[in-house]
Amino acid sequence: MSAQAHFQRVALIGFGLIGGSIARAAKLQGLAGEIVTTARSEKTRARVAELGIVDHIVATNVEAVKDADLVILCIPVGACGEVAREIAAHLKPGAIISDVGSVKGAVVRDMAPHLPQGVHFVPAHPVAGTEHSGPDSGFAELFINRWCILTPPEGVDAAATDRLRAFWAAMGAKVEVMTPDHHDLVLAITSHLPHLIAYTIVGTADELAQVTESEVIKFSAGGFRDFTRIAASDPTMWRDVFLANKEAVLEMLGTFTEDLAKLTRAIRRGDGEALFDHFTRTRAIRRGIVEIGQDSAAPDFGRPHAALKKP
């Protein structure tokens, strides 16, 4: 671990899967002198205390950010603007403030106007997760060999971006930097649209009157099971994602709808050649993902923990 990756005091606002995984990984790697956290629910705060993962649990966001060198908002994107307004006057000069949301344009628009001069705003998106949530769901190995995308607004101190890059790298992530708008377009097709499709397919299966609930569960093939795992993701988080990244998602959804219409016509016309050509092309994409190391023997959802060694 480089000295650059270490922060004297790290504040985590929100403590679910991502916040809990950051706390565990940062502790294991010695990336923080102390970790302080807060959560909206008293029950969650009590559970974090029982787990003994962090050094301090406080009741308010303002208390959490006091004297913190790094502040990470681990909350739904729809709440980020209001929390930024709440904590702005209490941030330590020179502190880095970040987040973990999967939409970046809206986060920048909602948070940046509230943040004072002298604070370095470097939004982040760790592209990793499971279908589980809550303080018990995190694990230190979650970020190993997964991408974390940083989207610093124009004019942000490059040294602050480099320091946050080192922090995520020390937790095992591969780090990329891009603009917020480009991030949102890329994630609309690689993450947001697949989640929308999963929610739709599972919902359609649930609504089919001629298929009982027991049959849906009993005869679930691998593909449907994968969709149900995705569709089990936190509904609050994904509601905010689709509302915050509406334009990019609608653009990708339009393209998807056009492609789906082509396949519909091929099936209706019995055009086996068109179907075979399409499936061959998409199969090659899957093989390419595996070849560059962007998949493991098991999917992200419930994947076995990789080995994260102590420094």
Protein backbone atom coordinates (compact mmCIF):
# COMPACT_ATOMS: atom_id res chain seq x y z
CA MET A 1 0.00 0.00 0.00
CA SER A 2 1.27 3.47 -0.84
CA ALA A 3 1.15 6.25 1.74
CA GLN A 4 -1.02 8.15 -0.74
CA ALA A 5 -3.85 5.62 -0.28
CA HIS A 6 -4.03 6.15 3.50
CA PHE A 7 -6.43 8.64 5.13
CA GLN A 8 -6.32 9.60 8.77
CA ARG A 9 -10.13 9.71 9.15
CA VAL A 10 -12.65 8.21 6.71
CA ALA A 11 -16.36 8.98 7.06
CA LEU A 12 -18.98 6.69 5.52
CA ILE A 13 -22.49 8.11 5.26
CA GLY A 14 -24.73 5.08 4.89
CA PHE A 15 -23.73 1.53 5.72
CA GLY A 16 -25.17 -1.07 3.38
CA LEU A 17 -23.44 -3.45 0.99
CA ILE A 18 -20.99 -0.90 -0.45
CA GLY A 19 -20.36 1.09 2.71
CA GLY A 20 -19.86 -2.09 4.70
CA SER A 21 -17.49 -3.51 2.09
CA ILE A 22 -15.44 -0.29 2.02
CA ALA A 23 -15.14 -0.37 5.81
CA ARG A 24 -14.06 -4.01 5.85
CA ALA A 25 -11.56 -3.62 2.99
CA ALA A 26 -10.12 -0.36 4.32
CA LYS A 27 -9.64 -1.94 7.75
CA LEU A 28 -8.00 -5.03 6.30
CA GLN A 29 -5.62 -2.97 4.16
CA GLY A 30 -4.87 -0.35 6.79
CA LEU A 31 -6.19 2.49 4.63
CA ALA A 32 -7.65 4.59 7.45
CA GLY A 33 -6.42 5.72 10.84
CA GLU A 34 -10.04 5.57 11.93
CA ILE A 35 -13.40 4.96 10.28
CA VAL A 36 -16.55 6.72 11.39
CA THR A 37 -20.00 6.00 10.02
CA THR A 38 -23.61 6.91 10.37
CA ALA A 39 -26.87 5.51 9.02
CA ARG A 40 -30.38 6.90 8.94
CA SER A 41 -31.83 4.00 10.94
CA GLU A 42 -31.07 3.58 14.64
CA LYS A 43 -31.46 -0.16 14.11
CA THR A 44 -28.74 -0.12 11.42
CA ARG A 45 -26.41 1.90 13.63
CA ALA A 46 -26.92 -0.59 16.46
CA ARG A 47 -26.14 -3.49 14.16
CA VAL A 48 -22.94 -1.82 12.91
CA ALA A 49 -21.88 -1.39 16.52
CA GLU A 50 -22.50 -5.10 17.14
CA LEU A 51 -20.39 -6.03 14.11
CA GLY A 52 -17.45 -4.00 15.41
CA ILE A 53 -16.33 -3.03 11.91
CA VAL A 54 -15.76 0.71 12.43
CA ASP A 55 -14.18 2.86 15.10
CA HIS A 56 -17.06 5.26 15.71
CA ILE A 57 -20.82 5.20 14.99
CA VAL A 58 -22.56 8.57 15.24
CA ALA A 59 -26.18 9.66 14.94
CA THR A 60 -25.92 12.42 12.34
CA ASN A 61 -24.22 13.14 9.04
CA VAL A 62 -22.73 16.35 10.45
CA GLU A 63 -21.07 14.44 13.29
CA ALA A 64 -19.72 11.86 10.84
CA VAL A 65 -17.88 14.31 8.58
CA LYS A 66 -16.20 16.31 11.36
CA ASP A 67 -12.41 16.30 10.77
CA ALA A 68 -12.73 13.62 8.05
CA ASP A 69 -10.08 13.59 5.31
CA LEU A 70 -12.27 11.40 3.06
CA VAL A 71 -16.08 11.43 3.04
CA ILE A 72 -17.95 8.83 0.99
CA LEU A 73 -21.72 8.98 0.53
CA CYS A 74 -22.95 5.36 0.38
CA ILE A 75 -26.60 6.25 -0.12
CA PRO A 76 -29.13 6.27 -3.00
CA VAL A 77 -28.28 8.88 -5.63
CA GLY A 78 -31.55 10.70 -5.04
CA ALA A 79 -30.44 11.61 -1.52
CA CYS A 80 -26.95 12.89 -2.37
CA GLY A 81 -27.84 16.52 -3.06
CA GLU A 82 -29.66 17.04 0.22
CA VAL A 83 -26.89 15.37 2.22
CA ALA A 84 -24.26 17.53 0.47
CA ARG A 85 -26.23 20.63 1.46
CA GLU A 86 -26.46 19.38 5.05
CA ILE A 87 -22.75 18.63 5.54
CA ALA A 88 -21.18 21.36 3.37
CA ALA A 89 -20.42 23.84 6.14
CA HIS A 90 -18.89 21.12 8.31
CA LEU A 91 -16.40 19.63 5.83
CA LYS A 92 -12.71 19.88 6.65
CA PRO A 93 -10.74 22.13 4.24
CA GLY A 94 -8.79 19.93 1.84
CA ALA A 95 -11.08 16.94 2.39
CA ILE A 96 -12.05 14.68 -0.50
CA ILE A 97 -15.79 14.03 -0.84
CA SER A 98 -17.03 11.18 -2.98
CA ASP A 99 -19.94 8.80 -3.45
CA VAL A 100 -20.63 5.30 -4.81
CA GLY A 101 -23.69 5.87 -7.00
CA SER A 102 -24.15 4.28 -10.42
CA VAL A 103 -25.31 7.58 -11.95
CA LYS A 104 -22.80 10.41 -12.07
CA GLY A 105 -24.23 13.33 -14.06
CA ALA A 106 -27.12 13.86 -11.65
CA VAL A 107 -24.86 13.42 -8.61
CA VAL A 108 -22.50 16.12 -9.88
CA ARG A 109 -25.40 18.47 -10.62
CA ASP A 110 -27.02 17.85 -7.22
CA MET A 111 -23.91 17.92 -5.02
CA ALA A 112 -21.42 20.33 -6.58
CA PRO A 113 -23.40 23.58 -5.98
CA HIS A 114 -23.40 22.95 -2.22
CA LEU A 115 -19.72 22.11 -1.73
CA PRO A 116 -17.39 24.87 -0.51
CA GLN A 117 -14.11 26.00 -2.02
CA GLY A 118 -11.15 24.01 -0.77
CA VAL A 119 -13.01 20.69 -0.77
CA HIS A 120 -12.16 18.21 -3.53
CA PHE A 121 -15.20 16.57 -5.14
CA VAL A 122 -14.36 13.27 -6.85
CA PRO A 123 -17.47 11.15 -7.55
CA ALA A 124 -16.91 7.40 -7.87
CA HIS A 125 -18.78 4.31 -8.98
CA PRO A 126 -17.51 0.90 -7.87
CA VAL A 127 -18.99 -1.45 -10.49
CA ALA A 128 -19.49 -4.33 -8.10
CA GLY A 129 -22.31 -5.69 -6.03
CA THR A 130 -24.64 -8.48 -5.03
CA GLU A 131 -28.40 -8.62 -4.64
CA HIS A 132 -28.02 -8.32 -0.86
CA SER A 133 -28.24 -5.14 1.20
CA GLY A 134 -27.81 -4.00 4.78
CA PRO A 135 -24.84 -3.83 7.17
CA ASP A 136 -24.32 -7.61 7.22
CA SER A 137 -24.04 -7.90 3.43
CA GLY A 138 -20.63 -6.33 2.88
CA PHE A 139 -17.34 -8.19 2.51
CA ALA A 140 -13.77 -7.00 2.07
CA GLU A 141 -13.23 -8.82 -1.23
CA LEU A 142 -16.14 -7.23 -3.11
CA PHE A 143 -13.99 -4.85 -5.17
CA ILE A 144 -11.19 -7.21 -6.18
CA ASN A 145 -10.62 -7.05 -9.97
CA ARG A 146 -13.79 -4.99 -10.40
CA TRP A 147 -13.80 -1.56 -11.99
CA CYS A 148 -14.20 1.63 -10.01
CA ILE A 149 -14.95 4.60 -12.26
CA LEU A 150 -13.99 8.09 -11.08
CA THR A 151 -15.75 11.07 -12.66
CA PRO A 152 -14.14 14.26 -11.31
CA PRO A 153 -15.81 17.45 -12.59
CA GLU A 154 -13.73 19.82 -14.66
CA GLY A 155 -11.18 21.73 -12.61
CA VAL A 156 -10.91 19.29 -9.71
CA ASP A 157 -7.42 18.97 -8.25
CA ALA A 158 -5.65 16.11 -10.05
CA ALA A 159 -3.80 15.14 -6.87
CA ALA A 160 -7.11 14.49 -5.11
CA THR A 161 -8.24 12.26 -7.97
CA ASP A 162 -4.94 10.37 -7.84
CA ARG A 163 -5.26 9.90 -4.10
CA LEU A 164 -8.78 8.47 -4.39
CA ARG A 165 -7.58 6.26 -7.25
CA ALA A 166 -4.86 4.87 -4.94
CA PHE A 167 -7.44 4.24 -2.20
CA TRP A 168 -9.69 2.17 -4.49
CA ALA A 169 -6.73 0.35 -6.02
CA ALA A 170 -5.55 -0.65 -2.57
CA MET A 171 -8.93 -2.32 -2.01
CA GLY A 172 -8.35 -4.41 -5.14
CA ALA A 173 -10.24 -2.37 -7.76
CA LYS A 174 -9.15 -1.46 -11.26
CA VAL A 175 -9.68 2.28 -11.65
CA GLU A 176 -10.77 4.25 -14.73
CA VAL A 177 -11.42 7.99 -15.07
CA MET A 178 -14.08 9.40 -17.42
CA THR A 179 -16.53 12.27 -17.66
CA PRO A 180 -19.85 11.98 -15.79
CA ASP A 181 -21.94 12.05 -19.00
CA HIS A 182 -19.86 9.38 -20.71
CA HIS A 183 -20.09 7.20 -17.62
CA ASP A 184 -23.89 7.47 -17.63
CA LEU A 185 -24.15 6.51 -21.30
CA VAL A 186 -21.88 3.47 -20.86
CA LEU A 187 -23.62 2.28 -17.68
CA ALA A 188 -27.05 2.75 -19.24
CA ILE A 189 -26.35 -0.19 -21.58
CA THR A 190 -24.04 -2.30 -19.39
CA SER A 191 -25.98 -2.05 -16.12
CA HIS A 192 -29.14 0.04 -16.04
CA LEU A 193 -30.93 -1.45 -19.06
CA PRO A 194 -30.16 -5.06 -18.00
CA HIS A 195 -31.66 -4.32 -14.58
CA LEU A 196 -34.76 -2.81 -16.22
CA ILE A 197 -35.14 -5.90 -18.41
CA ALA A 198 -34.71 -8.19 -15.40
CA TYR A 199 -37.36 -6.35 -13.40
CA THR A 200 -39.70 -6.54 -16.41
CA ILE A 201 -39.22 -10.26 -17.11
CA VAL A 202 -39.67 -11.27 -13.49
CA GLY A 203 -42.73 -9.03 -13.23
CA THR A 204 -44.22 -10.51 -16.42
CA ALA A 205 -43.73 -14.05 -15.11
CA ASP A 206 -45.46 -13.08 -11.89
CA GLU A 207 -48.45 -11.71 -13.79
CA LEU A 208 -49.04 -14.74 -16.03
CA ALA A 209 -52.35 -16.13 -14.88
CA GLN A 210 -51.79 -19.54 -16.48
CA VAL A 211 -48.50 -20.13 -14.67
CA THR A 212 -48.77 -20.56 -10.94
CA GLU A 213 -46.19 -19.14 -8.55
CA SER A 214 -45.08 -22.63 -7.59
CA GLU A 215 -44.41 -23.53 -11.25
CA VAL A 216 -42.37 -20.37 -11.81
CA ILE A 217 -40.21 -21.29 -8.82
CA LYS A 218 -40.11 -25.04 -9.52
CA PHE A 219 -39.17 -24.84 -13.19
CA SER A 220 -36.86 -21.83 -13.10
CA ALA A 221 -34.10 -22.35 -15.65
CA GLY A 222 -30.67 -20.80 -15.22
CA GLY A 223 -31.50 -17.69 -17.25
CA PHE A 224 -34.62 -16.89 -15.25
CA ARG A 225 -32.80 -17.51 -11.97
CA ASP A 226 -30.15 -14.99 -13.01
CA PHE A 227 -32.87 -12.45 -13.77
CA THR A 228 -34.47 -13.00 -10.35
CA ARG A 229 -31.15 -12.34 -8.63
CA ILE A 230 -30.78 -9.04 -10.50
CA ALA A 231 -34.42 -8.14 -9.83
CA ALA A 232 -33.85 -8.69 -6.09
CA SER A 233 -31.59 -5.61 -5.95
CA ASP A 234 -32.46 -2.69 -3.70
CA PRO A 235 -35.64 -1.07 -5.10
CA THR A 236 -34.91 2.38 -3.62
CA MET A 237 -31.48 2.51 -5.23
CA TRP A 238 -32.73 1.43 -8.64
CA ARG A 239 -35.74 3.74 -8.59
CA ASP A 240 -33.32 6.64 -8.12
CA VAL A 241 -30.95 5.33 -10.81
CA PHE A 242 -33.63 5.25 -13.50
CA LEU A 243 -34.99 8.67 -12.58
CA ALA A 244 -31.51 10.22 -12.42
CA ASN A 245 -30.22 8.68 -15.66
CA LYS A 246 -33.49 8.95 -17.56
CA GLU A 247 -32.18 10.35 -20.87
CA ALA A 248 -29.38 7.80 -21.34
CA VAL A 249 -31.61 4.89 -20.32
CA LEU A 250 -34.35 5.98 -22.72
CA GLU A 251 -31.79 6.27 -25.53
CA MET A 252 -30.49 2.75 -24.90
CA LEU A 253 -34.02 1.42 -24.43
CA GLY A 254 -34.97 2.81 -27.85
CA THR A 255 -32.06 1.03 -29.51
CA PHE A 256 -32.88 -2.19 -27.65
CA THR A 257 -36.53 -1.97 -28.70
CA GLU A 258 -35.49 -1.66 -32.37
CA ASP A 259 -33.23 -4.72 -32.09
CA LEU A 260 -35.97 -6.66 -30.33
CA ALA A 261 -38.36 -5.80 -33.15
CA LYS A 262 -35.88 -7.25 -35.68
CA LEU A 263 -35.72 -10.53 -33.74
CA THR A 264 -39.50 -10.57 -33.47
CA ARG A 265 -39.79 -10.31 -37.26
CA ALA A 266 -37.17 -13.04 -37.75
CA ILE A 267 -39.08 -15.43 -35.48
CA ARG A 268 -42.41 -14.60 -37.11
CA ARG A 269 -40.98 -15.19 -40.60
CA GLY A 270 -39.09 -18.32 -39.61
CA ASP A 271 -35.80 -16.66 -40.56
CA GLY A 272 -33.39 -19.08 -38.91
CA GLU A 273 -30.36 -17.58 -40.62
CA ALA A 274 -31.00 -14.15 -39.12
CA LEU A 275 -31.46 -15.67 -35.65
CA PHE A 276 -28.30 -17.77 -35.99
CA ASP A 277 -26.22 -14.79 -37.15
CA HIS A 278 -27.44 -12.66 -34.24
CA PHE A 279 -26.79 -15.37 -31.63
CA THR A 280 -23.32 -16.04 -33.07
CA ARG A 281 -22.38 -12.36 -32.80
CA THR A 282 -23.59 -12.07 -29.22
CA ARG A 283 -21.84 -15.30 -28.26
CA ALA A 284 -18.57 -13.79 -29.47
CA ILE A 285 -19.13 -10.76 -27.22
CA ARG A 286 -19.54 -13.04 -24.23
CA ARG A 287 -16.30 -14.85 -25.05
CA GLY A 288 -14.51 -11.52 -25.38
CA ILE A 289 -15.65 -10.47 -21.89
CA VAL A 290 -14.28 -13.70 -20.43
CA GLU A 291 -10.99 -13.42 -22.35
CA ILE A 292 -10.18 -9.96 -20.97
CA GLY A 293 -10.85 -11.15 -17.42
CA GLN A 294 -14.14 -9.34 -16.84
CA ASP A 295 -15.88 -12.45 -15.58
CA SER A 296 -15.05 -15.11 -13.04
CA ALA A 297 -16.13 -18.71 -12.65
CA ALA A 298 -19.22 -17.41 -10.84
CA PRO A 299 -21.19 -14.20 -11.49
CA ASP A 300 -20.93 -11.10 -9.30
CA PHE A 301 -24.19 -12.05 -7.66
CA GLY A 302 -23.14 -14.40 -4.91
CA ARG A 303 -19.67 -14.94 -6.36
CA PRO A 304 -17.20 -16.67 -4.03
CA HIS A 305 -15.00 -14.26 -2.14
CA ALA A 306 -11.64 -13.72 -3.78
CA ALA A 307 -8.53 -13.63 -1.66
CA LEU A 308 -7.67 -10.16 -0.40
CA LYS A 309 -4.35 -10.31 1.41
CA LYS A 310 -3.28 -8.07 4.22
CA PRO A 311 -0.47 -5.66 3.26
